[in-house]
Amino acid sequence: MTNSLSPHVVAVFMLIFAFQVSAFEQPKGWRWYNEPKVKTPSEQEPVPVPQNSTTTVMSATQQMKWFHQTFNEALSDATINPEDEDKYLKVMKLKKFIDEKTTQTGKTFEKLITENPEFSYTKDHPTEQAARQTYYQTLTLRNEASLRQLVQEGWGLYFIYEGGDALTQTLAPSIQDFANRYHIELVGISKDGHTLDVIGENKIDKNGNVVVRHTPALMLANIHTKALKPLAYGFISQKDLLERFHNVATDYQDSDY
């Protein structure tokens, strides 16, 4: 008699053991596949977003930018759809809105100028014809006084030009007349070798000693210090040239214009 069990007996015992194990409920969580299933973030129900109770107010610059974009879009839309009357009507409404704003701006400006006369241009610059004539006469006398001051300090005029230029030839008589009227020394300096007979005294800048950015040019030249100051470029009237003398004399600090 042997102690070993036959294969049939072993198989019976295994079936009995499997039945007994399945008869008892395994404790939850004892095996990983028995643990409670946790939803992944993608499976979780979305959290409702709270309602936005904040009102955003555009700045004045943002409002203007928005309006310009709206107007330009409406105008472009009407332009490429000329048969659509509604699109043109929208443009007309926007233009009417602009006109009303412009009119209201003008009225507000007039009201504020009346209440705050220190900001009024006409307080110091009359627009009535008779008063304007007196005002300009006063400015002329002031500018002439500034010119005489510069002449007394030793300042004269250099007229740097290209003698072959037709426009310069036309300007030259006015420059010489100005110098004669106000008794200011004038020297013409030709950059191209062609001198203008209408200028009383001429020199040819053979070596390029006088450097200017453009011609014709008017430079103030001091006979004592040899200093140079730019006065005007291009073609300038005698009235404007006289004002330039005042500007230089006051170092451009007089704002009464």
Protein backbone atom coordinates (compact mmCIF):
# COMPACT_ATOMS: atom_id res chain seq x y z
CA MET A 1 0.00 0.00 0.00
CA THR A 2 1.44 3.30 -1.02
CA ASN A 3 1.01 6.75 0.58
CA SER A 4 0.78 8.57 -2.71
CA LEU A 5 -2.62 9.83 -3.92
CA SER A 6 -3.89 8.99 -7.32
CA PRO A 7 -4.40 11.81 -9.83
CA HIS A 8 -8.17 11.39 -9.60
CA VAL A 9 -8.18 12.00 -5.86
CA VAL A 10 -6.03 15.16 -6.26
CA ALA A 11 -8.42 16.59 -8.86
CA VAL A 12 -11.43 16.01 -6.54
CA PHE A 13 -9.72 17.82 -3.66
CA MET A 14 -8.90 20.82 -5.89
CA LEU A 15 -12.51 21.18 -7.01
CA ILE A 16 -13.74 21.08 -3.40
CA PHE A 17 -11.19 23.75 -2.36
CA ALA A 18 -12.13 26.09 -5.24
CA PHE A 19 -15.83 25.79 -4.32
CA GLN A 20 -15.18 26.63 -0.66
CA VAL A 21 -13.05 29.71 -1.53
CA SER A 22 -15.72 31.13 -3.89
CA ALA A 23 -18.40 30.60 -1.26
CA PHE A 24 -16.91 33.29 0.96
CA GLU A 25 -16.96 37.01 -0.13
CA GLN A 26 -13.48 38.46 -0.24
CA PRO A 27 -13.05 41.68 1.70
CA LYS A 28 -13.33 44.82 -0.47
CA GLY A 29 -10.07 46.34 -1.23
CA TRP A 30 -8.10 43.21 -0.56
CA ARG A 31 -7.22 42.88 -4.24
CA TRP A 32 -6.46 45.84 -6.54
CA TYR A 33 -9.27 44.83 -8.89
CA ASN A 34 -11.76 45.00 -6.05
CA GLU A 35 -10.93 48.54 -4.98
CA PRO A 36 -13.59 51.23 -5.65
CA LYS A 37 -13.18 52.68 -9.14
CA VAL A 38 -12.01 56.28 -9.07
CA LYS A 39 -12.99 58.49 -11.99
CA THR A 40 -10.15 60.08 -13.86
CA PRO A 41 -10.13 63.88 -14.25
CA SER A 42 -11.48 63.50 -17.78
CA GLU A 43 -14.36 61.35 -16.50
CA GLN A 44 -15.29 63.67 -13.64
CA GLU A 45 -18.29 65.91 -14.08
CA PRO A 46 -17.28 69.48 -15.02
CA VAL A 47 -17.52 72.06 -12.28
CA PRO A 48 -19.96 74.78 -13.35
CA VAL A 49 -18.26 78.14 -14.01
CA PRO A 50 -19.66 80.89 -11.80
CA GLN A 51 -21.44 83.64 -13.71
CA ASN A 52 -19.26 86.70 -14.45
CA SER A 53 -20.71 89.65 -12.60
CA THR A 54 -17.90 92.11 -13.53
CA THR A 55 -18.60 94.75 -16.18
CA THR A 56 -15.59 95.88 -18.23
CA VAL A 57 -15.65 99.55 -19.25
CA MET A 58 -13.53 100.54 -22.24
CA SER A 59 -11.25 103.55 -21.93
CA ALA A 60 -11.79 106.58 -24.14
CA THR A 61 -8.95 105.47 -26.42
CA GLN A 62 -10.41 101.98 -26.70
CA GLN A 63 -13.84 103.42 -27.50
CA MET A 64 -12.41 105.61 -30.26
CA LYS A 65 -10.46 102.68 -31.68
CA TRP A 66 -13.62 100.57 -31.66
CA PHE A 67 -15.64 103.33 -33.34
CA HIS A 68 -13.03 103.88 -36.06
CA GLN A 69 -12.95 100.15 -36.77
CA THR A 70 -16.76 100.02 -36.89
CA PHE A 71 -16.98 103.04 -39.20
CA ASN A 72 -14.24 101.82 -41.53
CA GLU A 73 -15.82 98.38 -41.72
CA ALA A 74 -19.24 99.87 -42.51
CA LEU A 75 -17.74 102.16 -45.17
CA SER A 76 -15.80 99.31 -46.77
CA ASP A 77 -18.87 97.08 -46.68
CA ALA A 78 -20.99 99.75 -48.38
CA THR A 79 -18.29 100.44 -50.97
CA ILE A 80 -18.04 96.84 -52.13
CA ASN A 81 -21.83 96.44 -52.02
CA PRO A 82 -23.06 99.60 -53.78
CA GLU A 83 -26.48 98.10 -54.48
CA ASP A 84 -27.22 97.48 -50.78
CA GLU A 85 -29.11 100.53 -49.49
CA ASP A 86 -29.10 99.32 -45.90
CA LYS A 87 -25.32 99.29 -45.82
CA TYR A 88 -25.16 102.89 -47.07
CA LEU A 89 -27.85 103.90 -44.60
CA LYS A 90 -25.64 102.58 -41.81
CA VAL A 91 -22.75 104.74 -43.05
CA MET A 92 -25.02 107.80 -43.20
CA LYS A 93 -26.12 107.24 -39.60
CA LEU A 94 -22.51 106.96 -38.43
CA LYS A 95 -21.57 110.15 -40.29
CA LYS A 96 -24.52 111.98 -38.74
CA PHE A 97 -23.32 110.83 -35.32
CA ILE A 98 -19.84 112.22 -36.08
CA ASP A 99 -21.27 115.56 -37.25
CA GLU A 100 -23.32 115.91 -34.09
CA LYS A 101 -20.30 115.19 -31.90
CA THR A 102 -18.19 117.70 -33.84
CA THR A 103 -20.86 120.40 -33.51
CA GLN A 104 -21.19 119.77 -29.78
CA THR A 105 -17.40 119.94 -29.39
CA GLY A 106 -17.35 123.35 -31.04
CA LYS A 107 -20.13 124.65 -28.79
CA THR A 108 -18.38 123.36 -25.68
CA PHE A 109 -15.13 125.02 -26.80
CA GLU A 110 -16.88 128.38 -27.34
CA LYS A 111 -18.54 128.15 -23.93
CA LEU A 112 -15.26 127.37 -22.15
CA ILE A 113 -13.37 130.12 -24.00
CA THR A 114 -16.01 132.64 -22.92
CA GLU A 115 -15.80 131.48 -19.31
CA ASN A 116 -11.98 131.22 -19.39
CA PRO A 117 -10.72 134.13 -21.54
CA GLU A 118 -7.08 133.47 -20.63
CA PHE A 119 -7.17 130.61 -23.15
CA SER A 120 -8.63 132.72 -25.95
CA TYR A 121 -6.42 133.31 -28.99
CA THR A 122 -8.25 136.53 -29.85
CA LYS A 123 -7.40 138.03 -26.46
CA ASP A 124 -3.88 138.77 -27.72
CA HIS A 125 -4.37 138.13 -31.46
CA PRO A 126 -7.28 140.19 -32.81
CA THR A 127 -9.28 138.88 -35.74
CA GLU A 128 -11.14 142.13 -36.54
CA GLN A 129 -9.55 143.69 -39.61
CA ALA A 130 -8.73 147.16 -38.21
CA ALA A 131 -7.39 145.70 -34.99
CA ARG A 132 -5.32 143.14 -36.90
CA GLN A 133 -3.64 145.90 -38.88
CA THR A 134 -2.61 147.68 -35.69
CA TYR A 135 -1.48 144.37 -34.18
CA TYR A 136 0.78 143.52 -37.14
CA GLN A 137 2.24 147.00 -37.12
CA THR A 138 3.16 146.49 -33.49
CA LEU A 139 4.83 143.17 -34.33
CA THR A 140 6.77 144.77 -37.18
CA LEU A 141 8.12 147.51 -34.91
CA ARG A 142 9.15 144.90 -32.35
CA ASN A 143 10.90 142.74 -34.98
CA GLU A 144 12.72 145.75 -36.41
CA ALA A 145 13.98 146.63 -32.93
CA SER A 146 15.34 143.09 -32.58
CA LEU A 147 17.10 143.36 -35.95
CA ARG A 148 18.74 146.67 -35.02
CA GLN A 149 19.92 145.09 -31.79
CA LEU A 150 21.65 142.28 -33.70
CA VAL A 151 23.23 144.74 -36.14
CA GLN A 152 24.64 146.76 -33.25
CA GLU A 153 26.14 143.56 -31.85
CA GLY A 154 28.07 143.07 -35.11
CA TRP A 155 25.83 140.61 -36.94
CA GLY A 156 25.58 140.65 -40.73
CA LEU A 157 24.13 138.35 -43.41
CA TYR A 158 25.68 135.62 -45.52
CA PHE A 159 23.59 134.68 -48.55
CA ILE A 160 24.83 131.25 -49.66
CA TYR A 161 23.52 130.29 -53.07
CA GLU A 162 23.93 128.44 -56.36
CA GLY A 163 24.19 131.22 -58.94
CA GLY A 164 22.98 129.03 -61.78
CA ASP A 165 19.66 128.29 -60.09
CA ALA A 166 16.72 130.21 -61.63
CA LEU A 167 14.70 130.44 -58.39
CA THR A 168 17.72 131.75 -56.51
CA GLN A 169 18.16 134.42 -59.17
CA THR A 170 14.56 135.45 -58.52
CA LEU A 171 15.04 135.57 -54.74
CA ALA A 172 18.28 137.52 -54.75
CA PRO A 173 16.84 141.03 -55.41
CA SER A 174 14.52 140.71 -52.41
CA ILE A 175 17.43 139.74 -50.17
CA GLN A 176 19.52 142.73 -51.28
CA ASP A 177 16.53 145.07 -50.86
CA PHE A 178 16.02 143.78 -47.31
CA ALA A 179 19.67 144.41 -46.46
CA ASN A 180 19.52 147.95 -47.89
CA ARG A 181 16.32 148.79 -46.03
CA TYR A 182 17.62 147.76 -42.61
CA HIS A 183 21.27 148.75 -43.19
CA ILE A 184 22.62 145.28 -42.57
CA GLU A 185 25.85 144.07 -44.20
CA LEU A 186 25.19 141.40 -46.83
CA VAL A 187 27.76 139.15 -48.48
CA GLY A 188 26.75 136.70 -51.20
CA ILE A 189 28.67 133.41 -51.25
CA SER A 190 28.46 131.40 -54.46
CA LYS A 191 28.82 127.65 -54.13
CA ASP A 192 28.93 126.91 -57.87
CA GLY A 193 31.17 129.74 -59.01
CA HIS A 194 28.37 131.75 -60.62
CA THR A 195 27.86 135.10 -58.88
CA LEU A 196 24.71 137.24 -58.91
CA ASP A 197 25.20 140.83 -59.99
CA VAL A 198 22.17 141.99 -58.02
CA ILE A 199 24.04 141.19 -54.78
CA GLY A 200 26.31 144.10 -53.89
CA GLU A 201 29.23 141.99 -52.59
CA ASN A 202 29.97 138.44 -53.72
CA LYS A 203 32.57 135.82 -52.93
CA ILE A 204 33.15 132.36 -54.40
CA ASP A 205 33.48 129.52 -51.90
CA LYS A 206 36.25 127.69 -53.78
CA ASN A 207 37.42 125.60 -50.82
CA GLY A 208 34.03 124.80 -49.34
CA ASN A 209 34.67 126.76 -46.16
CA VAL A 210 30.99 127.63 -45.66
CA VAL A 211 28.99 124.44 -45.14
CA VAL A 212 25.19 124.50 -45.32
CA ARG A 213 22.68 121.67 -45.63
CA HIS A 214 20.65 123.34 -48.39
CA THR A 215 20.82 126.33 -50.70
CA PRO A 216 19.80 129.06 -50.85
CA ALA A 217 20.58 129.73 -47.22
CA LEU A 218 20.78 132.82 -45.04
CA MET A 219 23.24 132.78 -42.15
CA LEU A 220 23.91 135.38 -39.50
CA ALA A 221 27.63 136.10 -39.31
CA ASN A 222 29.27 138.05 -36.51
CA ILE A 223 32.21 140.22 -37.62
CA HIS A 224 33.68 140.24 -34.10
CA THR A 225 33.37 136.60 -32.99
CA LYS A 226 33.21 134.97 -36.47
CA ALA A 227 30.24 132.99 -35.19
CA LEU A 228 27.57 131.72 -37.60
CA LYS A 229 23.88 131.17 -36.89
CA PRO A 230 21.38 129.69 -39.36
CA LEU A 231 18.58 132.13 -40.12
CA ALA A 232 16.55 130.71 -43.00
CA TYR A 233 16.63 128.16 -45.82
CA GLY A 234 14.81 128.30 -49.11
CA PHE A 235 12.69 131.12 -50.44
CA ILE A 236 11.39 133.35 -47.65
CA SER A 237 9.44 136.62 -47.67
CA GLN A 238 10.83 139.81 -46.14
CA LYS A 239 8.11 139.76 -43.48
CA ASP A 240 9.02 136.23 -42.40
CA LEU A 241 12.71 137.06 -42.57
CA LEU A 242 12.20 140.00 -40.21
CA GLU A 243 10.44 137.67 -37.75
CA ARG A 244 13.43 135.31 -37.91
CA PHE A 245 15.67 138.12 -36.68
CA HIS A 246 13.40 138.57 -33.67
CA ASN A 247 13.39 134.82 -33.00
CA VAL A 248 17.18 134.69 -33.01
CA ALA A 249 17.46 137.82 -30.84
CA THR A 250 15.14 136.25 -28.24
CA ASP A 251 16.59 132.73 -28.68
CA TYR A 252 13.13 131.59 -29.86
CA GLN A 253 11.66 132.16 -26.41
CA ASP A 254 8.99 134.70 -27.40
CA SER A 255 5.70 132.78 -27.84
CA ASP A 256 3.55 135.80 -28.68
CA TYR A 257 2.41 134.50 -32.08
